C-alpha atoms as a PDB file:
ATOM      1  CA  MET A   1      91.438-226.756   4.782  1.00  0.00           C
ATOM      2  CA  GLU A   2      94.428-224.404   4.747  1.00  0.00           C
ATOM      3  CA  ARG A   3      95.858-226.275   1.758  1.00  0.00           C
ATOM      4  CA  TYR A   4      92.568-226.135  -0.125  1.00  0.00           C
ATOM      5  CA  SER A   5      92.339-222.434   0.675  1.00  0.00           C
ATOM      6  CA  ARG A   6      95.791-221.824  -0.804  1.00  0.00           C
ATOM      7  CA  GLU A   7      94.931-223.870  -3.891  1.00  0.00           C
ATOM      8  CA  THR A   8      91.555-222.262  -4.580  1.00  0.00           C
ATOM      9  CA  GLY A   9      91.822-218.772  -3.101  1.00  0.00           C
ATOM     10  CA  PHE A  10      88.637-219.158  -1.055  1.00  0.00           C
ATOM     11  CA  HIS A  11      88.391-218.419   2.668  1.00  0.00           C
ATOM     12  CA  VAL A  12      89.040-221.360   5.009  1.00  0.00           C
ATOM     13  CA  ASP A  13      85.830-221.195   7.056  1.00  0.00           C
ATOM     14  CA  THR A  14      83.643-220.932   3.963  1.00  0.00           C
ATOM     15  CA  LEU A  15      85.524-223.751   2.266  1.00  0.00           C
ATOM     16  CA  GLU A  16      84.863-225.997   5.229  1.00  0.00           C
ATOM     17  CA  LYS A  17      81.139-225.335   4.864  1.00  0.00           C
ATOM     18  CA  VAL A  18      81.350-226.370   1.212  1.00  0.00           C
ATOM     19  CA  TYR A  19      83.334-229.485   2.098  1.00  0.00           C
ATOM     20  CA  ARG A  20      80.633-230.505   4.540  1.00  0.00           C
ATOM     21  CA  LEU A  21      77.891-229.800   1.996  1.00  0.00           C
ATOM     22  CA  MET A  22      79.627-232.009  -0.553  1.00  0.00           C
ATOM     23  CA  GLU A  23      80.203-234.717   2.036  1.00  0.00           C
ATOM     24  CA  PHE A  24      76.514-234.708   2.908  1.00  0.00           C
ATOM     25  CA  LEU A  25      75.425-234.698  -0.741  1.00  0.00           C
ATOM     26  CA  GLY A  26      77.690-237.673  -1.375  1.00  0.00           C
ATOM     27  CA  GLU A  27      76.138-239.614   1.488  1.00  0.00           C
ATOM     28  CA  MET A  28      72.606-238.767   0.405  1.00  0.00           C
ATOM     29  CA  ASN A  29      73.337-239.454  -3.250  1.00  0.00           C
ATOM     30  CA  SER A  30      74.588-242.940  -2.386  1.00  0.00           C
ATOM     31  CA  ILE A  31      71.057-243.993  -1.379  1.00  0.00           C
ATOM     32  CA  PRO A  32      69.254-244.896  -4.654  1.00  0.00           C
ATOM     33  CA  GLU A  33      65.703-244.545  -3.335  1.00  0.00           C
ATOM     34  CA  VAL A  34      66.546-241.018  -2.164  1.00  0.00           C
ATOM     35  CA  ARG A  35      68.632-239.907  -5.138  1.00  0.00           C
ATOM     36  CA  GLU A  36      65.872-240.508  -7.700  1.00  0.00           C
ATOM     37  CA  LYS A  37      63.293-238.477  -5.778  1.00  0.00           C
ATOM     38  CA  LEU A  38      65.281-235.284  -5.220  1.00  0.00           C
ATOM     39  CA  VAL A  39      66.717-232.493  -7.354  1.00  0.00           C
ATOM     40  CA  LEU A  40      69.416-230.040  -6.311  1.00  0.00           C
ATOM     41  CA  LYS A  41      68.574-226.395  -7.016  1.00  0.00           C
ATOM     42  CA  GLY A  42      69.652-222.906  -5.993  1.00  0.00           C
ATOM     43  CA  GLY A  43      73.140-221.476  -5.752  1.00  0.00           C
ATOM     44  CA  THR A  44      74.860-224.814  -5.177  1.00  0.00           C
ATOM     45  CA  ALA A  45      73.396-226.277  -8.378  1.00  0.00           C
ATOM     46  CA  ILE A  46      74.144-223.124 -10.360  1.00  0.00           C
ATOM     47  CA  ASN A  47      77.734-222.610  -9.247  1.00  0.00           C
ATOM     48  CA  PHE A  48      78.888-226.215  -8.877  1.00  0.00           C
ATOM     49  CA  ILE A  49      77.067-227.791 -11.825  1.00  0.00           C
ATOM     50  CA  TYR A  50      76.472-225.198 -14.528  1.00  0.00           C
ATOM     51  CA  PHE A  51      79.244-222.725 -13.642  1.00  0.00           C
ATOM     52  CA  ASP A  52      82.900-223.322 -12.851  1.00  0.00           C
ATOM     53  CA  ILE A  53      82.523-222.242  -9.203  1.00  0.00           C
ATOM     54  CA  PRO A  54      82.849-218.442  -9.526  1.00  0.00           C
ATOM     55  CA  ARG A  55      81.472-218.229  -5.995  1.00  0.00           C
ATOM     56  CA  LEU A  56      80.815-220.608  -3.146  1.00  0.00           C
ATOM     57  CA  SER A  57      77.387-221.616  -1.922  1.00  0.00           C
ATOM     58  CA  ILE A  58      76.884-222.560   1.710  1.00  0.00           C
ATOM     59  CA  ASP A  59      73.334-223.927   1.682  1.00  0.00           C
ATOM     60  CA  ILE A  60      71.730-227.025   0.200  1.00  0.00           C
ATOM     61  CA  ASP A  61      68.367-226.417  -1.459  1.00  0.00           C
ATOM     62  CA  ILE A  62      66.511-229.502  -2.640  1.00  0.00           C
ATOM     63  CA  ASP A  63      63.123-230.205  -4.192  1.00  0.00           C
ATOM     64  CA  TYR A  64      61.283-233.475  -3.717  1.00  0.00           C
ATOM     65  CA  ILE A  65      59.943-234.668  -7.105  1.00  0.00           C
ATOM     66  CA  GLY A  66      59.023-238.253  -6.199  1.00  0.00           C
ATOM     67  CA  SER A  67      55.290-237.915  -6.821  1.00  0.00           C
ATOM     68  CA  LYS A  68      52.733-235.245  -7.618  1.00  0.00           C
ATOM     69  CA  GLU A  69      50.252-237.050  -5.361  1.00  0.00           C
ATOM     70  CA  LYS A  70      50.071-235.594  -1.864  1.00  0.00           C
ATOM     71  CA  GLU A  71      49.464-238.959  -0.164  1.00  0.00           C
ATOM     72  CA  LYS A  72      52.574-240.520  -1.732  1.00  0.00           C
ATOM     73  CA  MET A  73      54.604-237.407  -0.938  1.00  0.00           C
ATOM     74  CA  VAL A  74      53.596-237.570   2.732  1.00  0.00           C
ATOM     75  CA  ARG A  75      54.646-241.227   2.973  1.00  0.00           C
ATOM     76  CA  ASP A  76      57.977-240.504   1.296  1.00  0.00           C
ATOM     77  CA  ARG A  77      58.564-237.501   3.532  1.00  0.00           C
ATOM     78  CA  GLU A  78      58.241-239.631   6.662  1.00  0.00           C
ATOM     79  CA  TRP A  79      60.935-242.136   5.752  1.00  0.00           C
ATOM     80  CA  MET A  80      63.157-239.451   4.225  1.00  0.00           C
ATOM     81  CA  GLU A  81      63.136-237.538   7.509  1.00  0.00           C
ATOM     82  CA  ASP A  82      64.333-240.682   9.247  1.00  0.00           C
ATOM     83  CA  ILE A  83      67.141-241.181   6.718  1.00  0.00           C
ATOM     84  CA  LEU A  84      68.223-237.549   7.025  1.00  0.00           C
ATOM     85  CA  PHE A  85      68.478-237.726  10.812  1.00  0.00           C
ATOM     86  CA  ARG A  86      70.547-240.885  10.574  1.00  0.00           C
ATOM     87  CA  LEU A  87      72.910-239.134   8.160  1.00  0.00           C
ATOM     88  CA  PHE A  88      73.152-236.091  10.435  1.00  0.00           C
ATOM     89  CA  ARG A  89      74.094-238.315  13.374  1.00  0.00           C
ATOM     90  CA  LYS A  90      76.607-240.242  11.278  1.00  0.00           C
ATOM     91  CA  LEU A  91      78.310-236.986  10.245  1.00  0.00           C
ATOM     92  CA  GLY A  92      78.317-235.601  13.786  1.00  0.00           C
ATOM     93  CA  TYR A  93      75.917-232.665  13.489  1.00  0.00           C
ATOM     94  CA  GLN A  94      73.786-231.082  16.177  1.00  0.00           C
ATOM     95  CA  THR A  95      70.477-230.608  14.429  1.00  0.00           C
ATOM     96  CA  GLU A  96      67.741-228.012  14.691  1.00  0.00           C
ATOM     97  CA  VAL A  97      64.681-228.632  12.514  1.00  0.00           C
ATOM     98  CA  LYS A  98      61.726-226.496  11.484  1.00  0.00           C
ATOM     99  CA  LYS A  99      58.754-227.836   9.567  1.00  0.00           C
ATOM    100  CA  PRO A 100      56.731-225.026   8.011  1.00  0.00           C
ATOM    101  CA  TYR A 101      54.098-226.179   5.539  1.00  0.00           C
ATOM    102  CA  ALA A 102      55.614-228.357   2.772  1.00  0.00           C
ATOM    103  CA  LEU A 103      59.178-227.605   3.927  1.00  0.00           C
ATOM    104  CA  LEU A 104      61.877-229.258   5.987  1.00  0.00           C
ATOM    105  CA  GLN A 105      64.491-226.787   7.217  1.00  0.00           C
ATOM    106  CA  TYR A 106      67.588-227.992   9.041  1.00  0.00           C
ATOM    107  CA  ILE A 107      70.323-226.042  10.798  1.00  0.00           C
ATOM    108  CA  LEU A 108      73.351-228.338  11.145  1.00  0.00           C
ATOM    109  CA  ARG A 109      75.849-227.174  13.757  1.00  0.00           C
ATOM    110  CA  TYR A 110      79.432-228.353  14.088  1.00  0.00           C
ATOM    111  CA  ARG A 111      82.806-227.269  15.468  1.00  0.00           C
ATOM    112  CA  ASN A 112      85.039-226.085  12.631  1.00  0.00           C
ATOM    113  CA  THR A 113      88.788-226.524  12.233  1.00  0.00           C
ATOM    114  CA  ALA A 114      89.372-223.205  14.023  1.00  0.00           C
ATOM    115  CA  GLY A 115      87.498-224.527  17.053  1.00  0.00           C
ATOM    116  CA  ASN A 116      84.443-222.313  16.596  1.00  0.00           C
ATOM    117  CA  ILE A 117      80.805-223.383  16.379  1.00  0.00           C
ATOM    118  CA  ASP A 118      79.582-222.969  12.809  1.00  0.00           C
ATOM    119  CA  ARG A 119      76.597-224.149  10.815  1.00  0.00           C
ATOM    120  CA  ILE A 120      75.271-225.097   7.408  1.00  0.00           C
ATOM    121  CA  LYS A 121      71.653-225.122   6.239  1.00  0.00           C
ATOM    122  CA  LEU A 122      69.573-227.647   4.351  1.00  0.00           C
ATOM    123  CA  GLU A 123      66.090-226.990   3.001  1.00  0.00           C
ATOM    124  CA  MET A 124      63.908-229.604   1.345  1.00  0.00           C
ATOM    125  CA  ASN A 125      60.823-228.338  -0.477  1.00  0.00           C
ATOM    126  CA  PHE A 126      57.825-230.613  -1.061  1.00  0.00           C
ATOM    127  CA  PHE A 127      55.739-227.901  -2.728  1.00  0.00           C
ATOM    128  CA  ASN A 128      57.605-227.664  -6.037  1.00  0.00           C
ATOM    129  CA  ARG A 129      57.395-231.394  -6.639  1.00  0.00           C
ATOM    130  CA  VAL A 130      56.289-231.034 -10.263  1.00  0.00           C
ATOM    131  CA  PRO A 131      59.030-229.317 -12.300  1.00  0.00           C
ATOM    132  CA  VAL A 132      58.058-227.623 -15.556  1.00  0.00           C
ATOM    133  CA  PHE A 133      60.632-229.654 -17.490  1.00  0.00           C
ATOM    134  CA  GLU A 134      62.063-233.074 -16.839  1.00  0.00           C
ATOM    135  CA  SER A 135      64.971-233.097 -14.411  1.00  0.00           C
ATOM    136  CA  VAL A 136      68.464-233.859 -15.700  1.00  0.00           C
ATOM    137  CA  GLU A 137      71.470-235.680 -14.280  1.00  0.00           C
ATOM    138  CA  LYS A 138      74.712-233.700 -14.176  1.00  0.00           C
ATOM    139  CA  GLU A 139      78.171-234.004 -12.686  1.00  0.00           C
ATOM    140  CA  ILE A 140      78.764-231.736  -9.719  1.00  0.00           C
ATOM    141  CA  LYS A 141      82.195-230.166  -9.405  1.00  0.00           C
ATOM    142  CA  ASN A 142      84.083-230.082  -6.134  1.00  0.00           C
ATOM    143  CA  LEU A 143      87.194-228.349  -4.859  1.00  0.00           C
ATOM    144  CA  PHE A 144      88.399-231.319  -2.855  1.00  0.00           C
ATOM    145  CA  HIS A 145      89.796-234.765  -3.541  1.00  0.00           C
ATOM    146  CA  MET A 146      86.394-236.410  -3.495  1.00  0.00           C
ATOM    147  CA  GLU A 147      84.918-239.056  -5.736  1.00  0.00           C
ATOM    148  CA  THR A 148      83.158-237.714  -8.838  1.00  0.00           C
ATOM    149  CA  MET A 149      79.432-237.422  -8.226  1.00  0.00           C
ATOM    150  CA  ARG A 150      76.411-237.036 -10.503  1.00  0.00           C
ATOM    151  CA  VAL A 151      73.209-235.562  -9.112  1.00  0.00           C
ATOM    152  CA  ARG A 152      69.759-234.718 -10.393  1.00  0.00           C
ATOM    153  CA  THR A 153      69.012-231.056 -10.982  1.00  0.00           C
ATOM    154  CA  LEU A 154      66.765-228.803 -13.045  1.00  0.00           C
ATOM    155  CA  GLU A 155      67.269-227.699 -16.623  1.00  0.00           C
ATOM    156  CA  LEU A 156      69.330-224.525 -16.874  1.00  0.00           C
ATOM    157  CA  GLU A 157      66.403-222.314 -17.881  1.00  0.00           C
ATOM    158  CA  GLU A 158      64.119-223.588 -15.132  1.00  0.00           C
ATOM    159  CA  LEU A 159      66.860-223.261 -12.532  1.00  0.00           C
ATOM    160  CA  PHE A 160      67.461-219.649 -13.536  1.00  0.00           C
ATOM    161  CA  GLY A 161      63.762-218.923 -13.917  1.00  0.00           C
ATOM    162  CA  ARG A 162      63.527-219.640 -10.206  1.00  0.00           C
ATOM    163  CA  LYS A 163      66.691-217.663  -9.530  1.00  0.00           C
ATOM    164  CA  LEU A 164      65.234-214.634 -11.302  1.00  0.00           C
ATOM    165  CA  ARG A 165      62.047-215.000  -9.273  1.00  0.00           C
ATOM    166  CA  ALA A 166      64.152-215.088  -6.091  1.00  0.00           C
ATOM    167  CA  LEU A 167      66.069-212.006  -7.210  1.00  0.00           C
ATOM    168  CA  VAL A 168      62.873-210.033  -7.811  1.00  0.00           C
ATOM    169  CA  THR A 169      61.144-211.116  -4.602  1.00  0.00           C
ATOM    170  CA  ARG A 170      64.040-210.903  -2.125  1.00  0.00           C
ATOM    171  CA  GLY A 171      66.885-209.018  -3.839  1.00  0.00           C
ATOM    172  CA  THR A 172      70.054-210.596  -2.432  1.00  0.00           C
ATOM    173  CA  PRO A 173      73.488-209.849  -3.923  1.00  0.00           C
ATOM    174  CA  ARG A 174      74.059-213.602  -4.386  1.00  0.00           C
ATOM    175  CA  ASP A 175      71.006-213.840  -6.640  1.00  0.00           C
ATOM    176  CA  LEU A 176      72.136-210.794  -8.596  1.00  0.00           C
ATOM    177  CA  CYS A 177      75.631-212.226  -8.965  1.00  0.00           C
ATOM    178  CA  ASP A 178      74.388-215.578 -10.274  1.00  0.00           C
ATOM    179  CA  VAL A 179      72.195-213.976 -12.939  1.00  0.00           C
ATOM    180  CA  TYR A 180      74.994-211.581 -13.872  1.00  0.00           C
ATOM    181  CA  HIS A 181      77.402-214.477 -14.373  1.00  0.00           C
ATOM    182  CA  LEU A 182      74.864-216.255 -16.569  1.00  0.00           C
ATOM    183  CA  LEU A 183      74.515-213.211 -18.811  1.00  0.00           C
ATOM    184  CA  GLU A 184      78.285-212.730 -18.946  1.00  0.00           C
ATOM    185  CA  SER A 185      78.936-216.379 -19.747  1.00  0.00           C
ATOM    186  CA  ARG A 186      78.969-218.003 -23.160  1.00  0.00           C
ATOM    187  CA  MET A 187      76.484-220.630 -22.113  1.00  0.00           C
ATOM    188  CA  LYS A 188      73.752-221.492 -24.576  1.00  0.00           C
ATOM    189  CA  VAL A 189      70.507-220.285 -23.018  1.00  0.00           C
ATOM    190  CA  ASP A 190      67.006-220.475 -24.471  1.00  0.00           C
ATOM    191  CA  ILE A 191      65.879-216.989 -23.488  1.00  0.00           C
ATOM    192  CA  ARG A 192      62.226-217.662 -24.286  1.00  0.00           C
ATOM    193  CA  LYS A 193      62.189-220.767 -22.131  1.00  0.00           C
ATOM    194  CA  LEU A 194      63.911-218.808 -19.354  1.00  0.00           C
ATOM    195  CA  ARG A 195      61.327-216.053 -19.674  1.00  0.00           C
ATOM    196  CA  LYS A 196      58.379-218.453 -19.453  1.00  0.00           C
ATOM    197  CA  CYS A 197      59.828-220.235 -16.410  1.00  0.00           C
ATOM    198  CA  PHE A 198      60.397-216.890 -14.714  1.00  0.00           C
ATOM    199  CA  ILE A 199      56.778-215.827 -15.247  1.00  0.00           C
ATOM    200  CA  PHE A 200      55.460-219.218 -14.134  1.00  0.00           C
ATOM    201  CA  TYR A 201      57.389-219.127 -10.858  1.00  0.00           C
ATOM    202  CA  LEU A 202      56.481-215.488 -10.284  1.00  0.00           C
ATOM    203  CA  CYS A 203      52.851-216.577 -10.457  1.00  0.00           C
ATOM    204  CA  CYS A 204      53.531-219.258  -7.845  1.00  0.00           C
ATOM    205  CA  HIS A 205      54.668-216.444  -5.538  1.00  0.00           C
ATOM    206  CA  SER A 206      52.130-213.678  -6.150  1.00  0.00           C
ATOM    207  CA  ASP A 207      50.491-211.605  -8.875  1.00  0.00           C
ATOM    208  CA  PRO A 208      53.252-210.395 -11.261  1.00  0.00           C
ATOM    209  CA  ARG A 209      51.107-207.420 -12.281  1.00  0.00           C
ATOM    210  CA  SER A 210      51.669-205.873  -8.853  1.00  0.00           C
ATOM    211  CA  MET A 211      55.405-206.557  -8.683  1.00  0.00           C
ATOM    212  CA  ASN A 212      58.301-204.194  -9.295  1.00  0.00           C
ATOM    213  CA  LEU A 213      62.092-204.246  -9.336  1.00  0.00           C
ATOM    214  CA  ASN A 214      62.629-202.268  -6.126  1.00  0.00           C
ATOM    215  CA  PHE A 215      64.462-205.099  -4.361  1.00  0.00           C
ATOM    216  CA  VAL A 216      66.923-205.448  -7.238  1.00  0.00           C
ATOM    217  CA  GLU A 217      67.428-201.720  -7.689  1.00  0.00           C
ATOM    218  CA  GLY A 218      67.995-201.377  -3.944  1.00  0.00           C
ATOM    219  CA  ILE A 219      70.968-203.756  -3.702  1.00  0.00           C
ATOM    220  CA  THR A 220      74.004-201.745  -2.578  1.00  0.00           C
ATOM    221  CA  GLN A 221      77.761-202.180  -2.611  1.00  0.00           C
ATOM    222  CA  ARG A 222      77.547-202.629   1.155  1.00  0.00           C
ATOM    223  CA  ASP A 223      75.157-205.550   0.600  1.00  0.00           C
ATOM    224  CA  VAL A 224      77.718-207.049  -1.767  1.00  0.00           C
ATOM    225  CA  LYS A 225      80.494-206.583   0.786  1.00  0.00           C
ATOM    226  CA  MET A 226      78.511-208.245   3.555  1.00  0.00           C
ATOM    227  CA  GLY A 227      76.634-210.959   1.676  1.00  0.00           C
ATOM    228  CA  LEU A 228      78.712-211.829  -1.379  1.00  0.00           C
ATOM    229  CA  LEU A 229      82.422-211.034  -0.973  1.00  0.00           C
ATOM    230  CA  PRO A 230      82.958-213.763   1.688  1.00  0.00           C
ATOM    231  CA  LEU A 231      81.848-216.284  -0.952  1.00  0.00           C
ATOM    232  CA  LEU A 232      84.319-215.064  -3.579  1.00  0.00           C
ATOM    233  CA  ARG A 233      88.019-215.781  -3.889  1.00  0.00           C
ATOM    234  CA  LYS A 234      90.263-213.653  -1.685  1.00  0.00           C
ATOM    235  CA  GLY A 235      90.779-210.256  -3.253  1.00  0.00           C
ATOM    236  CA  GLY A 236      87.794-210.760  -5.515  1.00  0.00           C
ATOM    237  CA  LYS A 237      86.031-207.576  -6.523  1.00  0.00           C
ATOM    238  CA  ILE A 238      82.627-207.127  -8.056  1.00  0.00           C
ATOM    239  CA  ASP A 239      80.752-203.913  -8.700  1.00  0.00           C
ATOM    240  CA  VAL A 240      77.070-203.811  -7.849  1.00  0.00           C
ATOM    241  CA  GLU A 241      76.252-201.116 -10.398  1.00  0.00           C
ATOM    242  CA  GLU A 242      77.889-203.107 -13.173  1.00  0.00           C
ATOM    243  CA  MET A 243      75.843-206.172 -12.222  1.00  0.00           C
ATOM    244  CA  LYS A 244      72.611-204.198 -12.073  1.00  0.00           C
ATOM    245  CA  SER A 245      73.306-202.512 -15.411  1.00  0.00           C
ATOM    246  CA  ARG A 246      73.506-205.964 -17.008  1.00  0.00           C
ATOM    247  CA  VAL A 247      70.622-207.673 -15.217  1.00  0.00           C
ATOM    248  CA  LEU A 248      67.957-204.968 -14.899  1.00  0.00           C
ATOM    249  CA  PRO A 249      67.404-204.544 -18.672  1.00  0.00           C
ATOM    250  CA  LEU A 250      66.637-208.264 -18.940  1.00  0.00           C
ATOM    251  CA  LEU A 251      64.147-208.093 -16.083  1.00  0.00           C
ATOM    252  CA  ARG A 252      62.480-204.985 -17.479  1.00  0.00           C
ATOM    253  CA  GLU A 253      62.058-206.768 -20.796  1.00  0.00           C
ATOM    254  CA  PHE A 254      60.595-209.845 -19.098  1.00  0.00           C
ATOM    255  CA  PHE A 255      58.059-207.656 -17.303  1.00  0.00           C
ATOM    256  CA  LYS A 256      56.729-206.448 -20.666  1.00  0.00           C
ATOM    257  CA  PHE A 257      54.306-209.348 -20.817  1.00  0.00           C
ATOM    258  CA  GLU A 258      53.500-210.763 -24.225  1.00  0.00           C
ATOM    259  CA  LYS A 259      49.903-211.474 -25.227  1.00  0.00           C
ATOM    260  CA  GLU A 260      49.888-215.139 -24.112  1.00  0.00           C
ATOM    261  CA  GLU A 261      51.737-214.307 -20.904  1.00  0.00           C
ATOM    262  CA  LYS A 262      49.262-211.591 -20.012  1.00  0.00           C
ATOM    263  CA  GLU A 263      46.391-213.955 -20.782  1.00  0.00           C
ATOM    264  CA  PHE A 264      47.940-216.625 -18.545  1.00  0.00           C
ATOM    265  CA  ILE A 265      48.283-214.171 -15.652  1.00  0.00           C
ATOM    266  CA  ASP A 266      44.831-212.639 -16.141  1.00  0.00           C
ATOM    267  CA  GLU A 267      43.150-216.040 -16.328  1.00  0.00           C
ATOM    268  CA  LEU A 268      44.954-217.231 -13.212  1.00  0.00           C
ATOM    269  CA  TYR A 269      44.556-214.186 -11.003  1.00  0.00           C
ATOM    270  CA  ASP A 270      41.236-212.801 -12.240  1.00  0.00           C
ATOM    271  CA  LYS A 271      39.343-216.021 -12.968  1.00  0.00           C
ATOM    272  CA  LYS A 272      41.276-218.672 -11.006  1.00  0.00           C
ATOM    273  CA  ASN A 273      41.651-220.506 -14.291  1.00  0.00           C
ATOM    274  CA  TYR A 274      45.055-222.162 -14.651  1.00  0.00           C
ATOM    275  CA  ARG A 275      46.141-222.690 -18.278  1.00  0.00           C
ATOM    276  CA  PRO A 276      49.848-223.640 -18.455  1.00  0.00           C
ATOM    277  CA  GLU A 277      49.649-224.243 -22.207  1.00  0.00           C
ATOM    278  CA  LEU A 278      49.458-220.472 -22.681  1.00  0.00           C
ATOM    279  CA  LEU A 279      53.056-220.247 -21.482  1.00  0.00           C
ATOM    280  CA  PHE A 280      54.548-223.519 -22.616  1.00  0.00           C
ATOM    281  CA  GLU A 281      52.713-224.700 -25.742  1.00  0.00           C
ATOM    282  CA  ASP A 282      55.882-224.189 -27.829  1.00  0.00           C
ATOM    283  CA  PHE A 283      57.936-226.434 -25.536  1.00  0.00           C
ATOM    284  CA  ASP A 284      58.047-230.103 -24.605  1.00  0.00           C
ATOM    285  CA  TYR A 285      56.982-229.434 -21.034  1.00  0.00           C
ATOM    286  CA  ASN A 286      55.931-231.741 -18.218  1.00  0.00           C
ATOM    287  CA  ARG A 287      52.166-232.169 -18.603  1.00  0.00           C
ATOM    288  CA  ASN A 288      51.917-232.958 -14.891  1.00  0.00           C
ATOM    289  CA  ILE A 289      52.259-229.244 -14.138  1.00  0.00           C
ATOM    290  CA  VAL A 290      48.476-229.081 -14.577  1.00  0.00           C
ATOM    291  CA  ASP A 291      48.550-230.414 -10.998  1.00  0.00           C
ATOM    292  CA  HIS A 292      51.338-228.149  -9.738  1.00  0.00           C
ATOM    293  CA  PRO A 293      50.828-227.816  -5.940  1.00  0.00           C
ATOM    294  CA  GLY A 294      52.226-224.284  -5.843  1.00  0.00           C
ATOM    295  CA  ILE A 295      49.734-223.005  -8.390  1.00  0.00           C
ATOM    296  CA  LYS A 296      46.873-224.865  -6.713  1.00  0.00           C
ATOM    297  CA  TRP A 297      47.793-223.257  -3.399  1.00  0.00           C
ATOM    298  CA  ARG A 298      48.045-219.848  -5.032  1.00  0.00           C
ATOM    299  CA  ILE A 299      44.557-220.198  -6.570  1.00  0.00           C
ATOM    300  CA  ILE A 300      43.084-221.083  -3.175  1.00  0.00           C
ATOM    301  CA  ASN A 301      44.720-218.008  -1.643  1.00  0.00           C
ATOM    302  CA  ILE A 302      43.924-215.445  -4.341  1.00  0.00           C
END
């Protein structure tokens, strides 16, 4: 790990976490019946697939997309849990598992190269099993001498629609950093598609009409120092006010709901009437989202 740290500029302990994440992804990706039913999302997908690793990510976030039907999902979940535990044992992890509704959360403990007990986290979500757009297969970059690997992930706009939702609802410096890097990049982004995905996933969380940007506005330089700098290259500097000045105008614009967006939200939250075509009629979207479990759950709990 010391050599990789010198080559990349990242901290040794954090690099070892990433190495272990990539090792696990490689093992899981080598099982065809698993690979086709899962998509990688979150910071790992963003920074190791779409970006050129501006920061490290030390968690694995995965969605199950094998079937929209609950009965089939439950059957798949049972044998997937068994496969995961076998992989954890093979790789030498001490495992702690939590099973909140529609989630599998694993804490994987190990002794690192410095001799200390460390951990990585894996979360598998069975709630978002119907993506808005078809998943895509992409090559995932790695910082080590590992075999090239292709994994399933979400389209860029859907991935960042969820990231924006996370930024608004929890306000971590990592979320802010990822969105900032997207806006600073030269990547081709369909802003309207991004906007619609953001609103859709906000609605899966709670009523967007009652939301604000307090979590984003409240991120401080101290938060960046504690929660983001350890994931950057040594000596890396990033200014929280600069990031917020770039990201907040986009969010404020997205919260100025257009006519169809307002109608979608009003129908959903006032009448419990779910009409995805109001958001996505201009796009070739996945028609199965009419049965999206997250929206169904939200309607029940309005």
